[in-house]
Amino acid sequence: MGTSLSRRALLFGRANSTAAPVATVSGACLTYLGVACQSCRDACPESAIRFRPSRAIAQPEIDGERCSGCGECLAPCPTRALSIHPEQRP
């Protein structure tokens, strides 16, 4: 029998690729502008978005191993600072 593909793999074009979709944060993120916001973290069903303390406002960090690329974090972001991109995984 051949390899079984998930619907998600087919939808994201991963049938013949090792690229997996993951979220990335751009410089438009409110936390980079000094505004406390964690709406993406609250929306993430995989708990892949964490906010690491810094000297000022906690900064977002995406855990590429946990991120499923589902896109649930995109809509809640008031500045549209998140996007989904393929990431090469070993």
N, C-alpha and C. Protein backbone atom coordinates (compact mmCIF):
# COMPACT_ATOMS: atom_id res chain seq x y z
N MET A 1 0.82 -1.18 0.00
CA MET A 1 0.00 0.00 0.00
C MET A 1 0.87 1.25 0.00
N GLY A 2 0.30 2.34 -0.54
CA GLY A 2 1.02 3.60 -0.58
C GLY A 2 0.95 4.33 0.75
N THR A 3 1.62 5.47 0.80
CA THR A 3 1.62 6.27 2.01
C THR A 3 0.29 6.99 2.16
N SER A 4 -0.27 6.98 3.34
CA SER A 4 -1.52 7.66 3.61
C SER A 4 -1.25 9.13 3.91
N LEU A 5 -2.01 10.01 3.27
CA LEU A 5 -1.85 11.44 3.48
C LEU A 5 -3.05 11.98 4.23
N SER A 6 -2.80 12.91 5.12
CA SER A 6 -3.90 13.55 5.82
C SER A 6 -4.53 14.61 4.91
N ARG A 7 -5.75 14.99 5.24
CA ARG A 7 -6.40 16.07 4.48
C ARG A 7 -5.59 17.35 4.56
N ARG A 8 -5.03 17.60 5.74
CA ARG A 8 -4.23 18.80 5.94
C ARG A 8 -3.01 18.82 5.03
N ALA A 9 -2.34 17.69 4.89
CA ALA A 9 -1.17 17.60 4.02
C ALA A 9 -1.55 17.89 2.58
N LEU A 10 -2.68 17.39 2.16
CA LEU A 10 -3.14 17.64 0.80
C LEU A 10 -3.53 19.10 0.60
N LEU A 11 -4.23 19.67 1.58
CA LEU A 11 -4.67 21.06 1.47
C LEU A 11 -3.49 22.03 1.41
N PHE A 12 -2.44 21.74 2.16
CA PHE A 12 -1.29 22.63 2.19
C PHE A 12 -0.20 22.22 1.20
N GLY A 13 -0.50 21.28 0.32
CA GLY A 13 0.44 20.90 -0.72
C GLY A 13 1.68 20.20 -0.22
N ARG A 14 1.53 19.40 0.82
CA ARG A 14 2.70 18.72 1.38
C ARG A 14 2.79 17.27 0.96
N ALA A 15 2.12 16.90 -0.09
CA ALA A 15 2.11 15.50 -0.50
C ALA A 15 3.51 14.99 -0.81
N ASN A 16 4.34 15.80 -1.40
CA ASN A 16 5.69 15.37 -1.77
C ASN A 16 6.75 16.31 -1.20
N SER A 17 6.50 16.85 -0.04
CA SER A 17 7.41 17.84 0.52
C SER A 17 7.59 17.61 2.01
N THR A 18 8.72 18.08 2.55
CA THR A 18 8.94 18.03 3.98
C THR A 18 8.61 19.38 4.61
N ALA A 19 8.08 20.32 3.82
CA ALA A 19 7.71 21.63 4.33
C ALA A 19 6.39 21.54 5.08
N ALA A 20 6.36 22.07 6.28
CA ALA A 20 5.14 22.10 7.08
C ALA A 20 4.80 23.56 7.35
N PRO A 21 3.53 23.92 7.29
CA PRO A 21 3.17 25.31 7.53
C PRO A 21 3.31 25.67 9.00
N VAL A 22 3.89 26.81 9.28
CA VAL A 22 4.01 27.32 10.64
C VAL A 22 3.73 28.82 10.62
N ALA A 23 3.29 29.33 11.75
CA ALA A 23 3.02 30.76 11.89
C ALA A 23 4.32 31.53 12.09
N THR A 24 4.35 32.75 11.55
CA THR A 24 5.47 33.65 11.79
C THR A 24 4.90 35.00 12.19
N VAL A 25 5.68 35.77 12.95
CA VAL A 25 5.26 37.07 13.45
C VAL A 25 6.09 38.15 12.77
N SER A 26 5.42 39.17 12.25
CA SER A 26 6.14 40.27 11.59
C SER A 26 6.37 41.41 12.58
N GLY A 27 7.08 42.41 12.12
CA GLY A 27 7.38 43.58 12.94
C GLY A 27 6.16 44.43 13.25
N ALA A 28 5.02 44.13 12.63
CA ALA A 28 3.80 44.88 12.90
C ALA A 28 3.13 44.46 14.20
N CYS A 29 3.65 43.44 14.86
CA CYS A 29 3.09 42.95 16.12
C CYS A 29 3.07 44.08 17.14
N LEU A 30 1.94 44.23 17.82
CA LEU A 30 1.79 45.30 18.80
C LEU A 30 2.82 45.24 19.91
N THR A 31 3.25 44.03 20.30
CA THR A 31 4.23 43.92 21.38
C THR A 31 5.56 44.57 20.99
N TYR A 32 5.90 44.54 19.70
CA TYR A 32 7.14 45.18 19.25
C TYR A 32 7.02 46.70 19.29
N LEU A 33 5.77 47.17 19.35
CA LEU A 33 5.51 48.61 19.39
C LEU A 33 5.23 49.08 20.83
N GLY A 34 5.42 48.17 21.80
CA GLY A 34 5.26 48.52 23.19
C GLY A 34 3.85 48.40 23.73
N VAL A 35 2.98 47.72 23.02
CA VAL A 35 1.59 47.54 23.45
C VAL A 35 1.39 46.08 23.87
N ALA A 36 0.86 45.87 25.05
CA ALA A 36 0.62 44.52 25.54
C ALA A 36 -0.56 43.89 24.80
N CYS A 37 -0.31 42.81 24.11
CA CYS A 37 -1.36 42.08 23.38
C CYS A 37 -0.92 40.63 23.30
N GLN A 38 -1.83 39.74 23.58
CA GLN A 38 -1.54 38.31 23.48
C GLN A 38 -2.72 37.57 22.87
N SER A 39 -3.43 38.23 21.98
CA SER A 39 -4.62 37.63 21.38
C SER A 39 -4.29 36.39 20.56
N CYS A 40 -3.13 36.36 19.92
CA CYS A 40 -2.75 35.18 19.13
C CYS A 40 -2.52 33.98 20.03
N ARG A 41 -1.89 34.20 21.16
CA ARG A 41 -1.65 33.12 22.11
C ARG A 41 -2.97 32.53 22.62
N ASP A 42 -3.90 33.41 22.92
CA ASP A 42 -5.19 32.96 23.44
C ASP A 42 -5.96 32.14 22.40
N ALA A 43 -5.76 32.42 21.12
CA ALA A 43 -6.49 31.74 20.05
C ALA A 43 -5.83 30.44 19.60
N CYS A 44 -4.59 30.21 19.96
CA CYS A 44 -3.84 29.05 19.47
C CYS A 44 -4.27 27.76 20.16
N PRO A 45 -4.89 26.82 19.42
CA PRO A 45 -5.34 25.57 20.03
C PRO A 45 -4.19 24.63 20.39
N GLU A 46 -3.02 24.85 19.80
CA GLU A 46 -1.88 23.98 20.05
C GLU A 46 -0.95 24.51 21.14
N SER A 47 -1.26 25.69 21.68
CA SER A 47 -0.39 26.37 22.66
C SER A 47 1.03 26.52 22.11
N ALA A 48 1.11 26.85 20.83
CA ALA A 48 2.41 26.99 20.17
C ALA A 48 2.97 28.41 20.27
N ILE A 49 2.14 29.35 20.69
CA ILE A 49 2.59 30.74 20.81
C ILE A 49 2.75 31.06 22.28
N ARG A 50 3.95 31.46 22.62
CA ARG A 50 4.27 31.83 24.00
C ARG A 50 4.82 33.24 24.01
N PHE A 51 4.72 33.87 25.13
CA PHE A 51 5.26 35.22 25.28
C PHE A 51 6.36 35.18 26.32
N ARG A 52 7.56 35.45 25.87
CA ARG A 52 8.73 35.44 26.75
C ARG A 52 8.93 36.82 27.35
N PRO A 53 9.17 36.86 28.64
CA PRO A 53 9.40 38.15 29.30
C PRO A 53 10.61 38.88 28.70
N SER A 54 10.50 40.17 28.66
CA SER A 54 11.61 41.00 28.24
C SER A 54 11.66 42.20 29.18
N ARG A 55 12.49 43.15 28.87
CA ARG A 55 12.59 44.33 29.75
C ARG A 55 11.32 45.16 29.75
N ALA A 56 10.60 45.14 28.66
CA ALA A 56 9.37 45.93 28.57
C ALA A 56 8.17 45.00 28.46
N ILE A 57 7.65 44.83 27.27
CA ILE A 57 6.48 44.00 27.01
C ILE A 57 6.97 42.61 26.58
N ALA A 58 6.29 41.57 27.06
CA ALA A 58 6.64 40.19 26.68
C ALA A 58 6.54 40.03 25.16
N GLN A 59 7.50 39.34 24.57
CA GLN A 59 7.60 39.17 23.13
C GLN A 59 7.11 37.79 22.69
N PRO A 60 6.42 37.71 21.52
CA PRO A 60 5.89 36.42 21.06
C PRO A 60 6.99 35.51 20.54
N GLU A 61 6.78 34.23 20.75
CA GLU A 61 7.70 33.21 20.27
C GLU A 61 6.86 32.03 19.78
N ILE A 62 7.11 31.58 18.54
CA ILE A 62 6.37 30.47 17.96
C ILE A 62 7.19 29.19 18.12
N ASP A 63 6.58 28.18 18.69
CA ASP A 63 7.22 26.87 18.80
C ASP A 63 6.88 26.09 17.52
N GLY A 64 7.83 26.01 16.61
CA GLY A 64 7.62 25.36 15.31
C GLY A 64 7.25 23.89 15.40
N GLU A 65 7.63 23.24 16.47
CA GLU A 65 7.28 21.83 16.64
C GLU A 65 5.82 21.66 17.05
N ARG A 66 5.28 22.62 17.77
CA ARG A 66 3.89 22.55 18.22
C ARG A 66 2.92 23.17 17.23
N CYS A 67 3.39 24.15 16.46
CA CYS A 67 2.51 24.86 15.53
C CYS A 67 2.05 23.91 14.42
N SER A 68 0.74 23.84 14.25
CA SER A 68 0.18 22.97 13.22
C SER A 68 -0.10 23.73 11.93
N GLY A 69 0.06 25.05 11.96
CA GLY A 69 -0.22 25.85 10.77
C GLY A 69 -1.70 26.01 10.52
N CYS A 70 -2.53 25.83 11.55
CA CYS A 70 -3.98 25.86 11.38
C CYS A 70 -4.51 27.25 11.04
N GLY A 71 -3.81 28.31 11.44
CA GLY A 71 -4.23 29.66 11.12
C GLY A 71 -5.21 30.28 12.10
N GLU A 72 -5.51 29.60 13.19
CA GLU A 72 -6.46 30.15 14.18
C GLU A 72 -5.95 31.45 14.79
N CYS A 73 -4.67 31.69 14.77
CA CYS A 73 -4.08 32.89 15.35
C CYS A 73 -4.19 34.12 14.44
N LEU A 74 -4.48 33.91 13.16
CA LEU A 74 -4.49 35.02 12.20
C LEU A 74 -5.60 36.03 12.43
N ALA A 75 -6.82 35.59 12.54
CA ALA A 75 -7.97 36.50 12.64
C ALA A 75 -7.96 37.37 13.90
N PRO A 76 -7.60 36.85 15.07
CA PRO A 76 -7.64 37.69 16.27
C PRO A 76 -6.58 38.80 16.30
N CYS A 77 -5.55 38.71 15.48
CA CYS A 77 -4.48 39.70 15.51
C CYS A 77 -4.97 41.04 14.95
N PRO A 78 -4.98 42.10 15.77
CA PRO A 78 -5.50 43.38 15.32
C PRO A 78 -4.65 44.07 14.25
N THR A 79 -3.39 43.68 14.11
CA THR A 79 -2.53 44.32 13.11
C THR A 79 -2.15 43.38 11.96
N ARG A 80 -2.73 42.19 11.97
CA ARG A 80 -2.43 41.18 10.93
C ARG A 80 -0.92 40.90 10.85
N ALA A 81 -0.31 40.80 12.00
CA ALA A 81 1.13 40.59 12.09
C ALA A 81 1.54 39.14 11.93
N LEU A 82 0.57 38.23 11.92
CA LEU A 82 0.90 36.82 11.78
C LEU A 82 0.58 36.33 10.38
N SER A 83 1.37 35.37 9.94
CA SER A 83 1.12 34.73 8.65
C SER A 83 1.60 33.28 8.75
N ILE A 84 1.16 32.49 7.80
CA ILE A 84 1.52 31.08 7.76
C ILE A 84 2.46 30.86 6.59
N HIS A 85 3.61 30.25 6.86
CA HIS A 85 4.61 29.98 5.83
C HIS A 85 5.13 28.55 5.98
N PRO A 86 5.59 27.95 4.90
CA PRO A 86 6.19 26.62 5.03
C PRO A 86 7.54 26.71 5.73
N GLU A 87 7.83 25.71 6.52
CA GLU A 87 9.11 25.63 7.21
C GLU A 87 9.70 24.26 6.91
N GLN A 88 10.95 24.23 6.54
CA GLN A 88 11.60 22.94 6.27
C GLN A 88 11.92 22.25 7.58
N ARG A 89 11.46 21.03 7.70
CA ARG A 89 11.75 20.23 8.90
C ARG A 89 12.53 19.01 8.47
N PRO A 90 13.43 18.53 9.32
CA PRO A 90 14.23 17.34 8.97
C PRO A 90 13.39 16.10 8.81
